[in-house]
C-alpha atoms as a PDB file:
ATOM      1  CA  PHE A   1      85.919 110.328 111.615  1.00  0.00           C
ATOM      2  CA  MET A   2      85.001 113.864 110.620  1.00  0.00           C
ATOM      3  CA  ALA A   3      81.540 113.314 112.102  1.00  0.00           C
ATOM      4  CA  LEU A   4      83.057 112.497 115.492  1.00  0.00           C
ATOM      5  CA  GLN A   5      85.335 115.522 115.243  1.00  0.00           C
ATOM      6  CA  THR A   6      82.365 117.724 114.375  1.00  0.00           C
ATOM      7  CA  MET A   7      80.315 116.388 117.284  1.00  0.00           C
ATOM      8  CA  ARG A   8      83.161 117.157 119.695  1.00  0.00           C
ATOM      9  CA  ASP A   9      83.380 120.770 118.539  1.00  0.00           C
ATOM     10  CA  ASP A  10      80.919 123.229 120.030  1.00  0.00           C
ATOM     11  CA  GLU A  11      81.210 125.889 117.343  1.00  0.00           C
ATOM     12  CA  HIS A  12      80.552 124.494 113.879  1.00  0.00           C
ATOM     13  CA  GLU A  13      81.127 127.776 112.085  1.00  0.00           C
ATOM     14  CA  SER A  14      84.731 128.077 113.221  1.00  0.00           C
ATOM     15  CA  PHE A  15      85.891 124.600 112.151  1.00  0.00           C
ATOM     16  CA  ASP A  16      89.503 124.637 111.062  1.00  0.00           C
ATOM     17  CA  ALA A  17      90.536 121.555 109.093  1.00  0.00           C
ATOM     18  CA  ALA A  18      94.193 122.128 109.962  1.00  0.00           C
ATOM     19  CA  SER A  19      93.454 121.555 113.650  1.00  0.00           C
ATOM     20  CA  SER A  20      91.605 118.252 113.150  1.00  0.00           C
ATOM     21  CA  ASP A  21      93.063 114.866 114.037  1.00  0.00           C
ATOM     22  CA  SER A  22      92.664 113.532 110.504  1.00  0.00           C
ATOM     23  CA  TYR A  23      94.627 116.464 109.067  1.00  0.00           C
ATOM     24  CA  ARG A  24      97.382 115.870 111.622  1.00  0.00           C
ATOM     25  CA  ALA A  25      97.541 112.195 110.621  1.00  0.00           C
ATOM     26  CA  PHE A  26      97.881 113.043 106.926  1.00  0.00           C
ATOM     27  CA  ARG A  27     100.370 115.783 107.765  1.00  0.00           C
ATOM     28  CA  PHE A  28     102.449 113.297 109.781  1.00  0.00           C
ATOM     29  CA  ALA A  29     102.447 110.833 106.875  1.00  0.00           C
ATOM     30  CA  MET A  30     103.147 113.358 104.110  1.00  0.00           C
ATOM     31  CA  GLY A  31     105.110 116.064 105.879  1.00  0.00           C
ATOM     32  CA  ASP A  32     105.273 119.502 104.304  1.00  0.00           C
ATOM     33  CA  ARG A  33     104.133 118.133 100.944  1.00  0.00           C
ATOM     34  CA  LEU A  34     100.517 118.323 102.161  1.00  0.00           C
ATOM     35  CA  LEU A  35      99.152 121.767 101.403  1.00  0.00           C
ATOM     36  CA  PRO A  36      96.553 123.187 103.815  1.00  0.00           C
ATOM     37  CA  ASP A  37      94.286 124.410 101.004  1.00  0.00           C
ATOM     38  CA  TYR A  38      92.525 123.164  97.887  1.00  0.00           C
ATOM     39  CA  GLY A  39      93.994 123.635  94.436  1.00  0.00           C
ATOM     40  CA  LYS A  40      93.052 126.633  92.352  1.00  0.00           C
ATOM     41  CA  GLU A  41      91.467 124.529  89.631  1.00  0.00           C
ATOM     42  CA  GLY A  42      90.392 121.539  91.724  1.00  0.00           C
ATOM     43  CA  THR A  43      93.650 119.671  91.276  1.00  0.00           C
ATOM     44  CA  ILE A  44      95.016 117.067  93.635  1.00  0.00           C
ATOM     45  CA  PHE A  45      98.683 117.720  92.871  1.00  0.00           C
ATOM     46  CA  GLU A  46     100.451 121.069  92.555  1.00  0.00           C
ATOM     47  CA  TYR A  47     104.025 122.199  92.173  1.00  0.00           C
ATOM     48  CA  ARG A  48     105.092 124.634  94.891  1.00  0.00           C
ATOM     49  CA  GLY A  49     108.675 125.630  95.339  1.00  0.00           C
ATOM     50  CA  GLY A  50     109.769 123.133  92.685  1.00  0.00           C
ATOM     51  CA  ARG A  51     108.266 120.217  94.647  1.00  0.00           C
ATOM     52  CA  LEU A  52     105.230 118.097  93.880  1.00  0.00           C
ATOM     53  CA  CYS A  53     102.713 118.642  96.693  1.00  0.00           C
ATOM     54  CA  VAL A  54      99.259 117.278  97.488  1.00  0.00           C
ATOM     55  CA  THR A  55      96.323 119.630  98.091  1.00  0.00           C
ATOM     56  CA  MET A  56      93.563 118.912 100.610  1.00  0.00           C
ATOM     57  CA  LEU A  57      91.657 117.173  97.825  1.00  0.00           C
ATOM     58  CA  GLY A  58      94.163 114.301  98.041  1.00  0.00           C
ATOM     59  CA  PRO A  59      93.161 113.188 101.563  1.00  0.00           C
ATOM     60  CA  VAL A  60      89.486 113.628 100.624  1.00  0.00           C
ATOM     61  CA  VAL A  61      89.883 111.280  97.654  1.00  0.00           C
ATOM     62  CA  CYS A  62      91.831 108.786  99.792  1.00  0.00           C
ATOM     63  CA  CYS A  63      89.109 108.741 102.444  1.00  0.00           C
ATOM     64  CA  LEU A  64      86.381 108.263  99.842  1.00  0.00           C
ATOM     65  CA  LEU A  65      88.287 105.397  98.210  1.00  0.00           C
ATOM     66  CA  VAL A  66      88.774 103.636 101.551  1.00  0.00           C
ATOM     67  CA  ILE A  67      85.082 104.005 102.392  1.00  0.00           C
ATOM     68  CA  MET A  68      84.061 102.787  98.930  1.00  0.00           C
ATOM     69  CA  PHE A  69      86.364  99.772  99.213  1.00  0.00           C
ATOM     70  CA  LYS A  70      84.993  98.820 102.635  1.00  0.00           C
ATOM     71  CA  MET A  71      81.413  99.131 101.448  1.00  0.00           C
ATOM     72  CA  GLU A  72      82.132  97.128  98.294  1.00  0.00           C
ATOM     73  CA  VAL A  73      83.593  94.275 100.343  1.00  0.00           C
ATOM     74  CA  ASP A  74      80.488  94.227 102.522  1.00  0.00           C
ATOM     75  CA  VAL A  75      78.132  94.153  99.532  1.00  0.00           C
ATOM     76  CA  THR A  76      80.164  91.444  97.810  1.00  0.00           C
ATOM     77  CA  LEU A  77      80.187  89.224 100.900  1.00  0.00           C
ATOM     78  CA  THR A  78      76.437  89.682 101.316  1.00  0.00           C
ATOM     79  CA  LYS A  79      75.861  88.713  97.684  1.00  0.00           C
ATOM     80  CA  ILE A  80      78.061  85.635  98.018  1.00  0.00           C
ATOM     81  CA  GLU A  81      76.092  84.530 101.092  1.00  0.00           C
ATOM     82  CA  GLU A  82      72.688  85.098  99.466  1.00  0.00           C
ATOM     83  CA  ILE A  83      73.216  84.021  95.839  1.00  0.00           C
ATOM     84  CA  PRO A  84      73.825  80.274  95.422  1.00  0.00           C
ATOM     85  CA  ASN A  85      76.210  80.713  92.467  1.00  0.00           C
ATOM     86  CA  HIS A  86      79.312  82.280  94.050  1.00  0.00           C
ATOM     87  CA  PHE A  87      80.980  83.122  90.739  1.00  0.00           C
ATOM     88  CA  LEU A  88      77.899  84.994  89.555  1.00  0.00           C
ATOM     89  CA  ALA A  89      77.715  86.949  92.824  1.00  0.00           C
ATOM     90  CA  TRP A  90      81.410  87.882  92.795  1.00  0.00           C
ATOM     91  CA  SER A  91      81.594  88.742  89.085  1.00  0.00           C
ATOM     92  CA  SER A  92      78.500  90.959  89.256  1.00  0.00           C
ATOM     93  CA  SER A  93      80.082  92.939  92.097  1.00  0.00           C
ATOM     94  CA  VAL A  94      83.345  93.325  90.202  1.00  0.00           C
ATOM     95  CA  LEU A  95      81.512  94.438  87.058  1.00  0.00           C
ATOM     96  CA  ALA A  96      79.458  96.961  89.041  1.00  0.00           C
ATOM     97  CA  ALA A  97      82.569  98.357  90.746  1.00  0.00           C
ATOM     98  CA  PHE A  98      84.355  98.890  87.429  1.00  0.00           C
ATOM     99  CA  ALA A  99      81.291 100.168  85.542  1.00  0.00           C
ATOM    100  CA  LEU A 100      80.139 102.706  88.128  1.00  0.00           C
ATOM    101  CA  PRO A 101      82.524 105.569  87.207  1.00  0.00           C
ATOM    102  CA  GLU A 102      81.636 105.243  83.527  1.00  0.00           C
ATOM    103  CA  LEU A 103      77.937 105.341  84.363  1.00  0.00           C
ATOM    104  CA  PHE A 104      78.408 108.797  85.894  1.00  0.00           C
ATOM    105  CA  VAL A 105      79.701 110.014  82.533  1.00  0.00           C
ATOM    106  CA  VAL A 106      76.746 108.406  80.732  1.00  0.00           C
ATOM    107  CA  VAL A 107      74.231 110.009  83.109  1.00  0.00           C
ATOM    108  CA  GLN A 108      75.969 113.387  82.786  1.00  0.00           C
ATOM    109  CA  GLU A 109      75.725 113.198  78.995  1.00  0.00           C
ATOM    110  CA  LEU A 110      72.061 112.158  79.197  1.00  0.00           C
ATOM    111  CA  MET A 111      71.320 115.116  81.479  1.00  0.00           C
ATOM    112  CA  ARG A 112      73.067 117.437  79.051  1.00  0.00           C
ATOM    113  CA  ARG A 113      71.136 116.160  76.026  1.00  0.00           C
ATOM    114  CA  PHE A 114      67.713 115.721  77.611  1.00  0.00           C
ATOM    115  CA  PHE A 115      67.067 118.710  79.836  1.00  0.00           C
ATOM    116  CA  LEU A 116      63.786 117.255  81.204  1.00  0.00           C
ATOM    117  CA  LEU A 117      65.730 114.556  83.038  1.00  0.00           C
ATOM    118  CA  LYS A 118      67.043 117.180  85.452  1.00  0.00           C
ATOM    119  CA  THR A 119      63.648 117.804  87.041  1.00  0.00           C
END
């Protein structure tokens, strides 16, 4: 949706996230608990005025999760159609979906230990 919003705007340098349609939708759903800026330390939740609020990182994470879920469903359905053993196709997709975040940590540690992997 952000790509469509960006294409509609003529000036890319002056993009204001608070004036976008997606921000208005999240603001409508969350009210004044949605903060118009990112957290100081990259946090999703912050306390402001004694209330728990969501920074702009919250909607970003939500959008990424929705996109990831939609893509995972598509890949799983394609595997089920192509692989004759449906259980094998489904279970491999589930295993990949749950193992992917941990693989980022493994790759990060490998990059830290073996500096030649970065090039």
